[in-house]
Amino acid sequence: MSEFVACSYYDAKETHLAVRLSQDLQNHHHEWNIIRVQTATTKPFEILLALDRNPRQMIIYMDIDARIQATLDELPVLVRADIGLVFHTVFNRRAPRPTPPRFVARTGTIVARQTPGARRFLATWDRLLRLRFGIDWNPAGIAMWQATDVSFTMLPVRFAATRADGLLFANVWFG
């Protein structure tokens, strides 16, 4: 048994993405657990279930459209907190008046340790997602603020990179 298990979930129309992600993970010799869901669910709820299914392992959750380009083996060393996330800065250049940049969690890759703090954050995030507020809000960011006694590790952007990041190399690509 490895120190971590890579997890994701998908529905019937995303089967081709699940096959691709599982092949990527096998190519890098990672243990994986990709679950097909029948009904609507939330990402934090599925991560909580993955923590329950794998009680002795760290969970590395990735959205089903992730492309694994390099090993994830360094994540257990990088993440010593309850939760590991990639963060990025969002600039609103279209605002009528200058607005300050926002610091936003990118939730395509999430690392969760088997800790009470990780479970508190995920439960709070799940609760906020189920409230279904307006369009312009960040439930993961609000959960970071509301969940108590939770520590976070800022992951390098190469673990949840998009084309807009302009990287030449990434462990995990999206988009």
C-alpha atoms as a PDB file:
ATOM      1  CA  MET A   1       0.000   0.000   0.000  1.00  0.00           C
ATOM      2  CA  SER A   2       1.362   3.388  -0.979  1.00  0.00           C
ATOM      3  CA  GLU A   3       1.301   6.534   1.134  1.00  0.00           C
ATOM      4  CA  PHE A   4      -1.479   8.029  -1.003  1.00  0.00           C
ATOM      5  CA  VAL A   5      -4.295   7.074  -3.334  1.00  0.00           C
ATOM      6  CA  ALA A   6      -5.340   9.250  -6.277  1.00  0.00           C
ATOM      7  CA  CYS A   7      -9.124   9.659  -6.392  1.00  0.00           C
ATOM      8  CA  SER A   8     -11.775  11.118  -8.633  1.00  0.00           C
ATOM      9  CA  TYR A   9     -15.410  10.599  -9.554  1.00  0.00           C
ATOM     10  CA  TYR A  10     -17.387  10.752 -12.772  1.00  0.00           C
ATOM     11  CA  ASP A  11     -20.849  10.246 -14.225  1.00  0.00           C
ATOM     12  CA  ALA A  12     -21.873   8.157 -17.242  1.00  0.00           C
ATOM     13  CA  LYS A  13     -21.125  10.844 -19.841  1.00  0.00           C
ATOM     14  CA  GLU A  14     -17.566  11.259 -18.496  1.00  0.00           C
ATOM     15  CA  THR A  15     -16.548   7.592 -18.837  1.00  0.00           C
ATOM     16  CA  HIS A  16     -13.960   8.381 -21.529  1.00  0.00           C
ATOM     17  CA  LEU A  17     -12.283  10.861 -19.152  1.00  0.00           C
ATOM     18  CA  ALA A  18     -12.242   8.262 -16.363  1.00  0.00           C
ATOM     19  CA  VAL A  19     -10.522   5.773 -18.677  1.00  0.00           C
ATOM     20  CA  ARG A  20      -7.942   8.391 -19.692  1.00  0.00           C
ATOM     21  CA  LEU A  21      -7.232   9.454 -16.081  1.00  0.00           C
ATOM     22  CA  SER A  22      -6.891   5.850 -14.902  1.00  0.00           C
ATOM     23  CA  GLN A  23      -4.419   5.155 -17.732  1.00  0.00           C
ATOM     24  CA  ASP A  24      -2.378   8.241 -16.813  1.00  0.00           C
ATOM     25  CA  LEU A  25      -2.259   7.133 -13.169  1.00  0.00           C
ATOM     26  CA  GLN A  26      -1.278   3.570 -14.135  1.00  0.00           C
ATOM     27  CA  ASN A  27       1.504   4.912 -16.371  1.00  0.00           C
ATOM     28  CA  HIS A  28       2.998   6.615 -13.305  1.00  0.00           C
ATOM     29  CA  HIS A  29       2.403   3.545 -11.083  1.00  0.00           C
ATOM     30  CA  HIS A  30       0.013   5.340  -8.739  1.00  0.00           C
ATOM     31  CA  GLU A  31      -2.668   3.610  -6.743  1.00  0.00           C
ATOM     32  CA  TRP A  32      -6.034   5.012  -7.789  1.00  0.00           C
ATOM     33  CA  ASN A  33      -9.710   4.906  -6.883  1.00  0.00           C
ATOM     34  CA  ILE A  34     -12.065   6.414  -9.474  1.00  0.00           C
ATOM     35  CA  ILE A  35     -15.757   6.077  -8.659  1.00  0.00           C
ATOM     36  CA  ARG A  36     -18.772   6.334 -10.954  1.00  0.00           C
ATOM     37  CA  VAL A  37     -21.626   8.271  -9.337  1.00  0.00           C
ATOM     38  CA  GLN A  38     -25.283   7.806 -10.211  1.00  0.00           C
ATOM     39  CA  THR A  39     -26.692  11.029  -8.729  1.00  0.00           C
ATOM     40  CA  ALA A  40     -25.531  14.602  -8.317  1.00  0.00           C
ATOM     41  CA  THR A  41     -22.900  14.990  -5.627  1.00  0.00           C
ATOM     42  CA  THR A  42     -20.289  17.472  -4.413  1.00  0.00           C
ATOM     43  CA  LYS A  43     -16.532  17.306  -4.610  1.00  0.00           C
ATOM     44  CA  PRO A  44     -15.917  17.657  -0.841  1.00  0.00           C
ATOM     45  CA  PHE A  45     -18.495  14.931  -0.085  1.00  0.00           C
ATOM     46  CA  GLU A  46     -16.729  12.548  -2.485  1.00  0.00           C
ATOM     47  CA  ILE A  47     -13.357  13.365  -0.904  1.00  0.00           C
ATOM     48  CA  LEU A  48     -14.814  12.596   2.542  1.00  0.00           C
ATOM     49  CA  LEU A  49     -16.035   9.237   1.203  1.00  0.00           C
ATOM     50  CA  ALA A  50     -12.566   8.585  -0.265  1.00  0.00           C
ATOM     51  CA  LEU A  51     -11.019   9.286   3.155  1.00  0.00           C
ATOM     52  CA  ASP A  52     -13.405   6.704   4.632  1.00  0.00           C
ATOM     53  CA  ARG A  53     -12.592   4.118   1.928  1.00  0.00           C
ATOM     54  CA  ASN A  54      -8.830   4.569   2.410  1.00  0.00           C
ATOM     55  CA  PRO A  55      -8.332   5.145   6.157  1.00  0.00           C
ATOM     56  CA  ARG A  56      -4.546   4.711   6.166  1.00  0.00           C
ATOM     57  CA  GLN A  57      -3.750   6.823   3.117  1.00  0.00           C
ATOM     58  CA  MET A  58      -3.596  10.446   2.074  1.00  0.00           C
ATOM     59  CA  ILE A  59      -6.121  11.346  -0.641  1.00  0.00           C
ATOM     60  CA  ILE A  60      -5.001  13.173  -3.761  1.00  0.00           C
ATOM     61  CA  TYR A  61      -8.241  14.195  -5.435  1.00  0.00           C
ATOM     62  CA  MET A  62      -8.219  15.371  -9.050  1.00  0.00           C
ATOM     63  CA  ASP A  63     -11.067  16.455 -11.289  1.00  0.00           C
ATOM     64  CA  ILE A  64     -11.868  13.796 -13.874  1.00  0.00           C
ATOM     65  CA  ASP A  65     -10.511  15.917 -16.756  1.00  0.00           C
ATOM     66  CA  ALA A  66      -6.993  16.016 -15.257  1.00  0.00           C
ATOM     67  CA  ARG A  67      -4.025  14.895 -17.338  1.00  0.00           C
ATOM     68  CA  ILE A  68      -1.184  13.427 -15.291  1.00  0.00           C
ATOM     69  CA  GLN A  69       2.093  14.373 -16.993  1.00  0.00           C
ATOM     70  CA  ALA A  70       4.536  13.501 -14.194  1.00  0.00           C
ATOM     71  CA  THR A  71       4.604  11.640 -10.905  1.00  0.00           C
ATOM     72  CA  LEU A  72       2.662  12.771  -7.863  1.00  0.00           C
ATOM     73  CA  ASP A  73       5.124  11.119  -5.460  1.00  0.00           C
ATOM     74  CA  GLU A  74       6.377  14.370  -3.943  1.00  0.00           C
ATOM     75  CA  LEU A  75       2.923  15.482  -2.713  1.00  0.00           C
ATOM     76  CA  PRO A  76       3.126  13.567   0.620  1.00  0.00           C
ATOM     77  CA  VAL A  77       6.371  15.433   1.336  1.00  0.00           C
ATOM     78  CA  LEU A  78       5.026  18.832   0.248  1.00  0.00           C
ATOM     79  CA  VAL A  79       1.747  18.597   2.187  1.00  0.00           C
ATOM     80  CA  ARG A  80       2.309  18.538   5.944  1.00  0.00           C
ATOM     81  CA  ALA A  81      -0.918  20.413   6.673  1.00  0.00           C
ATOM     82  CA  ASP A  82      -4.470  19.042   6.748  1.00  0.00           C
ATOM     83  CA  ILE A  83      -5.254  20.194   3.195  1.00  0.00           C
ATOM     84  CA  GLY A  84      -3.080  21.021   0.190  1.00  0.00           C
ATOM     85  CA  LEU A  85      -4.401  23.324  -2.552  1.00  0.00           C
ATOM     86  CA  VAL A  86      -3.098  25.364  -5.464  1.00  0.00           C
ATOM     87  CA  PHE A  87      -3.909  29.063  -5.172  1.00  0.00           C
ATOM     88  CA  HIS A  88      -3.930  31.708  -7.861  1.00  0.00           C
ATOM     89  CA  THR A  89      -4.613  35.410  -8.123  1.00  0.00           C
ATOM     90  CA  VAL A  90      -7.659  36.695  -9.995  1.00  0.00           C
ATOM     91  CA  PHE A  91      -7.587  40.218 -11.405  1.00  0.00           C
ATOM     92  CA  ASN A  92     -10.865  41.852 -12.433  1.00  0.00           C
ATOM     93  CA  ARG A  93      -9.732  44.001 -15.343  1.00  0.00           C
ATOM     94  CA  ARG A  94     -13.297  44.606 -16.561  1.00  0.00           C
ATOM     95  CA  ALA A  95     -14.524  46.365 -13.428  1.00  0.00           C
ATOM     96  CA  PRO A  96     -15.616  49.981 -13.892  1.00  0.00           C
ATOM     97  CA  ARG A  97     -13.285  50.976 -11.065  1.00  0.00           C
ATOM     98  CA  PRO A  98     -10.008  49.313 -10.086  1.00  0.00           C
ATOM     99  CA  THR A  99     -10.602  46.440  -7.674  1.00  0.00           C
ATOM    100  CA  PRO A 100      -8.033  44.611  -5.589  1.00  0.00           C
ATOM    101  CA  PRO A 101      -6.945  41.182  -6.810  1.00  0.00           C
ATOM    102  CA  ARG A 102      -8.527  38.131  -5.179  1.00  0.00           C
ATOM    103  CA  PHE A 103      -6.604  35.120  -3.917  1.00  0.00           C
ATOM    104  CA  VAL A 104      -8.596  32.037  -4.989  1.00  0.00           C
ATOM    105  CA  ALA A 105      -8.210  28.307  -4.329  1.00  0.00           C
ATOM    106  CA  ARG A 106      -7.996  26.238  -7.506  1.00  0.00           C
ATOM    107  CA  THR A 107      -9.823  23.025  -6.577  1.00  0.00           C
ATOM    108  CA  GLY A 108      -8.908  20.764  -9.516  1.00  0.00           C
ATOM    109  CA  THR A 109      -6.294  19.076  -7.326  1.00  0.00           C
ATOM    110  CA  ILE A 110      -6.842  18.730  -3.588  1.00  0.00           C
ATOM    111  CA  VAL A 111      -4.679  16.815  -1.145  1.00  0.00           C
ATOM    112  CA  ALA A 112      -6.403  15.685   2.060  1.00  0.00           C
ATOM    113  CA  ARG A 113      -4.653  14.043   4.974  1.00  0.00           C
ATOM    114  CA  GLN A 114      -6.422  11.726   7.415  1.00  0.00           C
ATOM    115  CA  THR A 115      -6.929  14.438  10.033  1.00  0.00           C
ATOM    116  CA  PRO A 116      -9.916  15.949  11.866  1.00  0.00           C
ATOM    117  CA  GLY A 117      -8.994  19.344  10.391  1.00  0.00           C
ATOM    118  CA  ALA A 118      -9.234  18.047   6.825  1.00  0.00           C
ATOM    119  CA  ARG A 119     -12.634  16.530   7.588  1.00  0.00           C
ATOM    120  CA  ARG A 120     -13.854  19.801   9.158  1.00  0.00           C
ATOM    121  CA  PHE A 121     -12.834  21.805   6.104  1.00  0.00           C
ATOM    122  CA  LEU A 122     -14.433  19.311   3.676  1.00  0.00           C
ATOM    123  CA  ALA A 123     -17.677  19.140   5.682  1.00  0.00           C
ATOM    124  CA  THR A 124     -17.886  22.949   5.833  1.00  0.00           C
ATOM    125  CA  TRP A 125     -17.186  23.248   2.100  1.00  0.00           C
ATOM    126  CA  ASP A 126     -19.825  20.599   1.340  1.00  0.00           C
ATOM    127  CA  ARG A 127     -22.403  22.431   3.474  1.00  0.00           C
ATOM    128  CA  LEU A 128     -21.682  25.713   1.673  1.00  0.00           C
ATOM    129  CA  LEU A 129     -21.959  24.111  -1.765  1.00  0.00           C
ATOM    130  CA  ARG A 130     -25.351  22.663  -0.903  1.00  0.00           C
ATOM    131  CA  LEU A 131     -26.638  26.152   0.006  1.00  0.00           C
ATOM    132  CA  ARG A 132     -26.314  27.141  -3.695  1.00  0.00           C
ATOM    133  CA  PHE A 133     -25.847  30.873  -3.319  1.00  0.00           C
ATOM    134  CA  GLY A 134     -25.230  33.270  -6.183  1.00  0.00           C
ATOM    135  CA  ILE A 135     -22.835  33.031  -9.088  1.00  0.00           C
ATOM    136  CA  ASP A 136     -19.939  35.151  -7.842  1.00  0.00           C
ATOM    137  CA  TRP A 137     -18.821  33.390  -4.696  1.00  0.00           C
ATOM    138  CA  ASN A 138     -16.120  30.917  -3.776  1.00  0.00           C
ATOM    139  CA  PRO A 139     -17.409  28.180  -1.421  1.00  0.00           C
ATOM    140  CA  ALA A 140     -13.945  26.641  -0.936  1.00  0.00           C
ATOM    141  CA  GLY A 141     -12.537  30.043   0.044  1.00  0.00           C
ATOM    142  CA  ILE A 142     -15.389  30.700   2.475  1.00  0.00           C
ATOM    143  CA  ALA A 143     -14.925  27.211   3.948  1.00  0.00           C
ATOM    144  CA  MET A 144     -11.242  28.014   4.521  1.00  0.00           C
ATOM    145  CA  TRP A 145     -12.329  31.020   6.534  1.00  0.00           C
ATOM    146  CA  GLN A 146     -15.152  29.288   8.454  1.00  0.00           C
ATOM    147  CA  ALA A 147     -13.596  25.904   9.298  1.00  0.00           C
ATOM    148  CA  THR A 148     -11.696  26.080  12.592  1.00  0.00           C
ATOM    149  CA  ASP A 149      -8.331  24.514  13.418  1.00  0.00           C
ATOM    150  CA  VAL A 150      -7.476  23.579   9.836  1.00  0.00           C
ATOM    151  CA  SER A 151      -4.011  24.017   8.350  1.00  0.00           C
ATOM    152  CA  PHE A 152      -3.350  24.515   4.620  1.00  0.00           C
ATOM    153  CA  THR A 153      -0.351  23.967   2.376  1.00  0.00           C
ATOM    154  CA  MET A 154      -0.026  26.059  -0.766  1.00  0.00           C
ATOM    155  CA  LEU A 155       0.924  23.671  -3.585  1.00  0.00           C
ATOM    156  CA  PRO A 156       2.996  24.705  -6.589  1.00  0.00           C
ATOM    157  CA  VAL A 157       0.808  25.641  -9.556  1.00  0.00           C
ATOM    158  CA  ARG A 158       2.281  22.722 -11.532  1.00  0.00           C
ATOM    159  CA  PHE A 159      -0.087  20.402  -9.638  1.00  0.00           C
ATOM    160  CA  ALA A 160      -3.179  22.080 -11.158  1.00  0.00           C
ATOM    161  CA  ALA A 161      -1.878  23.921 -14.213  1.00  0.00           C
ATOM    162  CA  THR A 162      -3.898  25.412 -17.041  1.00  0.00           C
ATOM    163  CA  ARG A 163      -2.735  26.792 -20.370  1.00  0.00           C
ATOM    164  CA  ALA A 164      -3.153  30.344 -18.995  1.00  0.00           C
ATOM    165  CA  ASP A 165      -0.409  29.657 -16.424  1.00  0.00           C
ATOM    166  CA  GLY A 166       2.161  29.570 -19.234  1.00  0.00           C
ATOM    167  CA  LEU A 167       4.142  26.674 -17.747  1.00  0.00           C
ATOM    168  CA  LEU A 168       6.426  24.499 -19.851  1.00  0.00           C
ATOM    169  CA  PHE A 169       6.101  21.600 -17.400  1.00  0.00           C
ATOM    170  CA  ALA A 170       3.334  20.496 -15.045  1.00  0.00           C
ATOM    171  CA  ASN A 171       2.588  17.368 -13.066  1.00  0.00           C
ATOM    172  CA  VAL A 172      -1.173  17.816 -13.562  1.00  0.00           C
ATOM    173  CA  TRP A 173      -2.767  19.696 -16.479  1.00  0.00           C
ATOM    174  CA  PHE A 174      -6.356  20.874 -16.866  1.00  0.00           C
ATOM    175  CA  GLY A 175      -8.115  22.143 -19.952  1.00  0.00           C
END
